[in-house]
Amino acid sequence: MTRRYWNINLEEMMEAGVHFGHGTRKWNPKMAPYISAKRKGIHITNLTITARFLPEACDLVFDAASRGKQFLIVGTKNKAVDSVEWAAIRARCRQHLHHLK
């Protein structure tokens, strides 16, 4: 796997709401090390840990895409619809949008 430099910025991650996880009732206990707090029934994701592992994940996706692998891009929150669509268009993915409610 080729290692690349990814500009991971904690402030931008915070502004984008990356730290907002799922409701505290819908979670997998294996995620406990990655949760920094609970607020108003929502788990808050530890952005420091996320930022540490995000470059490796980006490298894996980049390498797989360069080999022609396909991806399913999913947003689990209604507010994420536009962001997910924008990411798919920017990545030149074939567009098959399904809005499930």
N, C-alpha and C. Protein backbone atom coordinates (compact mmCIF):
# COMPACT_ATOMS: atom_id res chain seq x y z
N MET A 1 0.84 -1.18 0.00
CA MET A 1 0.00 0.00 0.00
C MET A 1 0.89 1.24 0.00
N THR A 2 0.58 2.14 -0.89
CA THR A 2 1.32 3.40 -0.98
C THR A 2 0.84 4.35 0.11
N ARG A 3 1.77 4.93 0.85
CA ARG A 3 1.40 5.89 1.88
C ARG A 3 1.43 7.29 1.27
N ARG A 4 0.38 8.04 1.51
CA ARG A 4 0.25 9.39 0.98
C ARG A 4 0.07 10.36 2.13
N TYR A 5 0.15 11.63 1.83
CA TYR A 5 -0.11 12.64 2.85
C TYR A 5 -1.54 13.12 2.68
N TRP A 6 -2.32 13.03 3.74
CA TRP A 6 -3.69 13.52 3.75
C TRP A 6 -3.77 14.66 4.75
N ASN A 7 -4.35 15.76 4.36
CA ASN A 7 -4.46 16.93 5.23
C ASN A 7 -5.68 16.76 6.14
N ILE A 8 -5.48 16.13 7.28
CA ILE A 8 -6.56 15.88 8.24
C ILE A 8 -6.55 17.02 9.26
N ASN A 9 -7.64 17.76 9.33
CA ASN A 9 -7.72 18.93 10.19
C ASN A 9 -8.83 18.74 11.22
N LEU A 10 -8.47 18.69 12.51
CA LEU A 10 -9.45 18.46 13.56
C LEU A 10 -10.54 19.54 13.60
N GLU A 11 -10.18 20.80 13.35
CA GLU A 11 -11.17 21.87 13.36
C GLU A 11 -12.22 21.66 12.28
N GLU A 12 -11.76 21.28 11.07
CA GLU A 12 -12.70 21.04 9.98
C GLU A 12 -13.59 19.83 10.27
N MET A 13 -13.01 18.81 10.90
CA MET A 13 -13.80 17.64 11.27
C MET A 13 -14.89 18.04 12.27
N MET A 14 -14.54 18.89 13.23
CA MET A 14 -15.50 19.35 14.23
C MET A 14 -16.60 20.17 13.56
N GLU A 15 -16.23 21.10 12.68
CA GLU A 15 -17.20 21.93 11.98
C GLU A 15 -18.15 21.09 11.13
N ALA A 16 -17.65 20.01 10.56
CA ALA A 16 -18.46 19.14 9.72
C ALA A 16 -19.36 18.21 10.53
N GLY A 17 -19.17 18.19 11.84
CA GLY A 17 -20.00 17.35 12.70
C GLY A 17 -19.60 15.89 12.70
N VAL A 18 -18.35 15.62 12.34
CA VAL A 18 -17.86 14.24 12.30
C VAL A 18 -17.98 13.57 13.66
N HIS A 19 -17.90 14.35 14.71
CA HIS A 19 -17.89 13.80 16.07
C HIS A 19 -19.26 13.32 16.54
N PHE A 20 -20.35 13.69 15.85
CA PHE A 20 -21.67 13.25 16.27
C PHE A 20 -21.91 11.82 15.83
N GLY A 21 -22.06 10.94 16.81
CA GLY A 21 -22.29 9.53 16.51
C GLY A 21 -23.78 9.21 16.52
N HIS A 22 -24.09 7.96 16.72
CA HIS A 22 -25.47 7.51 16.78
C HIS A 22 -26.02 7.69 18.19
N GLY A 23 -27.30 7.48 18.31
CA GLY A 23 -27.95 7.55 19.61
C GLY A 23 -27.36 6.51 20.56
N THR A 24 -27.39 6.81 21.83
CA THR A 24 -26.78 5.93 22.83
C THR A 24 -27.52 4.60 22.93
N ARG A 25 -28.75 4.53 22.45
CA ARG A 25 -29.49 3.26 22.47
C ARG A 25 -29.10 2.35 21.31
N LYS A 26 -28.57 2.89 20.23
CA LYS A 26 -28.23 2.12 19.04
C LYS A 26 -26.71 2.12 18.86
N TRP A 27 -26.04 1.25 19.56
CA TRP A 27 -24.59 1.26 19.44
C TRP A 27 -24.05 -0.14 19.67
N ASN A 28 -22.82 -0.33 19.20
CA ASN A 28 -22.12 -1.59 19.36
C ASN A 28 -21.08 -1.38 20.46
N PRO A 29 -21.09 -2.20 21.51
CA PRO A 29 -20.12 -2.03 22.60
C PRO A 29 -18.66 -2.05 22.14
N LYS A 30 -18.37 -2.64 20.98
CA LYS A 30 -17.00 -2.64 20.46
C LYS A 30 -16.53 -1.22 20.12
N MET A 31 -17.46 -0.29 20.02
CA MET A 31 -17.11 1.09 19.70
C MET A 31 -16.70 1.90 20.92
N ALA A 32 -16.81 1.34 22.11
CA ALA A 32 -16.52 2.07 23.36
C ALA A 32 -15.17 2.79 23.35
N PRO A 33 -14.08 2.19 22.84
CA PRO A 33 -12.80 2.91 22.87
C PRO A 33 -12.78 4.18 21.99
N TYR A 34 -13.73 4.29 21.08
CA TYR A 34 -13.75 5.41 20.13
C TYR A 34 -14.77 6.48 20.52
N ILE A 35 -15.45 6.29 21.63
CA ILE A 35 -16.45 7.25 22.09
C ILE A 35 -15.86 8.04 23.25
N SER A 36 -15.89 9.36 23.12
CA SER A 36 -15.29 10.18 24.17
C SER A 36 -16.31 10.68 25.18
N ALA A 37 -17.59 10.75 24.81
CA ALA A 37 -18.60 11.27 25.74
C ALA A 37 -20.00 10.91 25.24
N LYS A 38 -20.98 11.18 26.10
CA LYS A 38 -22.39 11.05 25.73
C LYS A 38 -23.04 12.39 26.04
N ARG A 39 -23.77 12.94 25.07
CA ARG A 39 -24.46 14.22 25.29
C ARG A 39 -25.83 14.16 24.64
N LYS A 40 -26.84 14.46 25.43
CA LYS A 40 -28.22 14.52 24.93
C LYS A 40 -28.60 13.26 24.15
N GLY A 41 -28.20 12.10 24.66
CA GLY A 41 -28.57 10.84 24.04
C GLY A 41 -27.76 10.47 22.81
N ILE A 42 -26.67 11.18 22.55
CA ILE A 42 -25.82 10.93 21.38
C ILE A 42 -24.40 10.63 21.84
N HIS A 43 -23.78 9.64 21.23
CA HIS A 43 -22.37 9.37 21.51
C HIS A 43 -21.51 10.38 20.74
N ILE A 44 -20.50 10.88 21.38
CA ILE A 44 -19.56 11.82 20.77
C ILE A 44 -18.29 11.03 20.45
N THR A 45 -17.95 11.00 19.18
CA THR A 45 -16.79 10.24 18.72
C THR A 45 -15.50 10.98 19.06
N ASN A 46 -14.48 10.24 19.47
CA ASN A 46 -13.18 10.81 19.78
C ASN A 46 -12.47 11.17 18.47
N LEU A 47 -12.39 12.47 18.17
CA LEU A 47 -11.81 12.91 16.90
C LEU A 47 -10.30 12.71 16.84
N THR A 48 -9.63 12.69 17.97
CA THR A 48 -8.18 12.47 17.97
C THR A 48 -7.87 11.07 17.46
N ILE A 49 -8.62 10.08 17.95
CA ILE A 49 -8.42 8.71 17.47
C ILE A 49 -8.83 8.59 16.01
N THR A 50 -9.96 9.22 15.65
CA THR A 50 -10.43 9.19 14.27
C THR A 50 -9.36 9.77 13.34
N ALA A 51 -8.80 10.92 13.70
CA ALA A 51 -7.78 11.56 12.87
C ALA A 51 -6.52 10.72 12.76
N ARG A 52 -6.20 9.96 13.80
CA ARG A 52 -5.00 9.13 13.78
C ARG A 52 -5.14 8.00 12.75
N PHE A 53 -6.33 7.41 12.65
CA PHE A 53 -6.52 6.27 11.76
C PHE A 53 -7.08 6.64 10.38
N LEU A 54 -7.58 7.85 10.22
CA LEU A 54 -8.18 8.26 8.96
C LEU A 54 -7.22 8.23 7.78
N PRO A 55 -5.95 8.65 7.92
CA PRO A 55 -5.04 8.57 6.77
C PRO A 55 -4.86 7.13 6.26
N GLU A 56 -4.79 6.17 7.16
CA GLU A 56 -4.65 4.77 6.74
C GLU A 56 -5.89 4.31 5.98
N ALA A 57 -7.06 4.71 6.47
CA ALA A 57 -8.30 4.36 5.78
C ALA A 57 -8.35 5.01 4.41
N CYS A 58 -7.91 6.27 4.32
CA CYS A 58 -7.88 6.96 3.03
C CYS A 58 -6.94 6.25 2.05
N ASP A 59 -5.79 5.82 2.53
CA ASP A 59 -4.85 5.08 1.69
C ASP A 59 -5.48 3.79 1.16
N LEU A 60 -6.17 3.06 2.03
CA LEU A 60 -6.82 1.81 1.61
C LEU A 60 -7.87 2.06 0.53
N VAL A 61 -8.70 3.08 0.73
CA VAL A 61 -9.74 3.39 -0.25
C VAL A 61 -9.11 3.86 -1.56
N PHE A 62 -8.12 4.73 -1.48
CA PHE A 62 -7.45 5.25 -2.68
C PHE A 62 -6.84 4.11 -3.49
N ASP A 63 -6.13 3.21 -2.81
CA ASP A 63 -5.49 2.08 -3.50
C ASP A 63 -6.53 1.14 -4.12
N ALA A 64 -7.60 0.86 -3.40
CA ALA A 64 -8.65 -0.01 -3.94
C ALA A 64 -9.33 0.63 -5.15
N ALA A 65 -9.59 1.92 -5.08
CA ALA A 65 -10.21 2.63 -6.20
C ALA A 65 -9.30 2.62 -7.42
N SER A 66 -8.00 2.76 -7.20
CA SER A 66 -7.06 2.76 -8.33
C SER A 66 -6.99 1.39 -9.00
N ARG A 67 -7.44 0.34 -8.28
CA ARG A 67 -7.51 -1.01 -8.86
C ARG A 67 -8.89 -1.31 -9.42
N GLY A 68 -9.76 -0.29 -9.48
CA GLY A 68 -11.08 -0.45 -10.07
C GLY A 68 -12.13 -1.04 -9.16
N LYS A 69 -11.87 -1.07 -7.86
CA LYS A 69 -12.86 -1.61 -6.92
C LYS A 69 -14.05 -0.67 -6.81
N GLN A 70 -15.21 -1.22 -6.49
CA GLN A 70 -16.42 -0.42 -6.35
C GLN A 70 -16.71 -0.18 -4.87
N PHE A 71 -17.41 0.93 -4.60
CA PHE A 71 -17.73 1.31 -3.23
C PHE A 71 -19.20 1.68 -3.11
N LEU A 72 -19.72 1.45 -1.95
CA LEU A 72 -21.06 1.90 -1.61
C LEU A 72 -20.87 3.01 -0.58
N ILE A 73 -21.35 4.20 -0.92
CA ILE A 73 -21.21 5.34 -0.03
C ILE A 73 -22.55 5.52 0.68
N VAL A 74 -22.52 5.49 2.01
CA VAL A 74 -23.75 5.49 2.80
C VAL A 74 -23.71 6.61 3.83
N GLY A 75 -24.81 7.31 3.95
CA GLY A 75 -24.99 8.28 5.02
C GLY A 75 -26.16 7.81 5.88
N THR A 76 -25.99 7.77 7.16
CA THR A 76 -27.03 7.22 8.02
C THR A 76 -27.92 8.29 8.64
N LYS A 77 -27.69 9.52 8.30
CA LYS A 77 -28.49 10.60 8.88
C LYS A 77 -29.10 11.43 7.75
N ASN A 78 -30.32 11.89 7.96
CA ASN A 78 -30.98 12.70 6.94
C ASN A 78 -30.17 13.94 6.58
N LYS A 79 -29.51 14.53 7.58
CA LYS A 79 -28.71 15.73 7.33
C LYS A 79 -27.51 15.44 6.44
N ALA A 80 -27.12 14.17 6.30
CA ALA A 80 -25.94 13.80 5.53
C ALA A 80 -26.22 13.62 4.04
N VAL A 81 -27.47 13.68 3.63
CA VAL A 81 -27.83 13.38 2.25
C VAL A 81 -27.02 14.23 1.27
N ASP A 82 -27.00 15.54 1.47
CA ASP A 82 -26.28 16.43 0.54
C ASP A 82 -24.79 16.17 0.56
N SER A 83 -24.22 15.94 1.74
CA SER A 83 -22.78 15.68 1.85
C SER A 83 -22.39 14.38 1.16
N VAL A 84 -23.20 13.36 1.34
CA VAL A 84 -22.92 12.06 0.72
C VAL A 84 -23.03 12.18 -0.80
N GLU A 85 -24.07 12.87 -1.26
CA GLU A 85 -24.24 13.07 -2.70
C GLU A 85 -23.06 13.84 -3.28
N TRP A 86 -22.63 14.91 -2.59
CA TRP A 86 -21.51 15.72 -3.05
C TRP A 86 -20.23 14.89 -3.12
N ALA A 87 -20.00 14.06 -2.10
CA ALA A 87 -18.80 13.21 -2.07
C ALA A 87 -18.82 12.22 -3.23
N ALA A 88 -19.98 11.64 -3.51
CA ALA A 88 -20.08 10.67 -4.60
C ALA A 88 -19.84 11.34 -5.95
N ILE A 89 -20.40 12.51 -6.14
CA ILE A 89 -20.19 13.24 -7.41
C ILE A 89 -18.73 13.63 -7.55
N ARG A 90 -18.15 14.14 -6.48
CA ARG A 90 -16.74 14.56 -6.50
C ARG A 90 -15.81 13.39 -6.79
N ALA A 91 -16.18 12.20 -6.30
CA ALA A 91 -15.37 11.00 -6.53
C ALA A 91 -15.69 10.35 -7.87
N ARG A 92 -16.55 10.99 -8.65
CA ARG A 92 -16.96 10.49 -9.97
C ARG A 92 -17.58 9.09 -9.88
N CYS A 93 -18.39 8.89 -8.84
CA CYS A 93 -19.11 7.62 -8.69
C CYS A 93 -20.37 7.67 -9.54
N ARG A 94 -20.79 6.50 -9.99
CA ARG A 94 -22.08 6.45 -10.65
C ARG A 94 -23.12 6.79 -9.62
N GLN A 95 -24.08 7.57 -10.02
CA GLN A 95 -25.03 8.09 -9.05
C GLN A 95 -26.28 7.23 -8.98
N HIS A 96 -26.48 6.59 -7.86
CA HIS A 96 -27.70 5.85 -7.55
C HIS A 96 -28.10 6.25 -6.15
N LEU A 97 -28.90 7.28 -6.06
CA LEU A 97 -29.29 7.77 -4.74
C LEU A 97 -30.61 7.17 -4.31
N HIS A 98 -30.63 6.66 -3.11
CA HIS A 98 -31.84 6.13 -2.52
C HIS A 98 -32.03 6.80 -1.17
N HIS A 99 -33.12 7.50 -1.05
CA HIS A 99 -33.43 8.15 0.23
C HIS A 99 -34.39 7.26 0.98
N LEU A 100 -33.89 6.62 2.03
CA LEU A 100 -34.71 5.74 2.84
C LEU A 100 -35.17 6.46 4.09
N LYS A 101 -36.41 6.29 4.42
CA LYS A 101 -36.92 6.94 5.63
C LYS A 101 -37.55 5.91 6.51
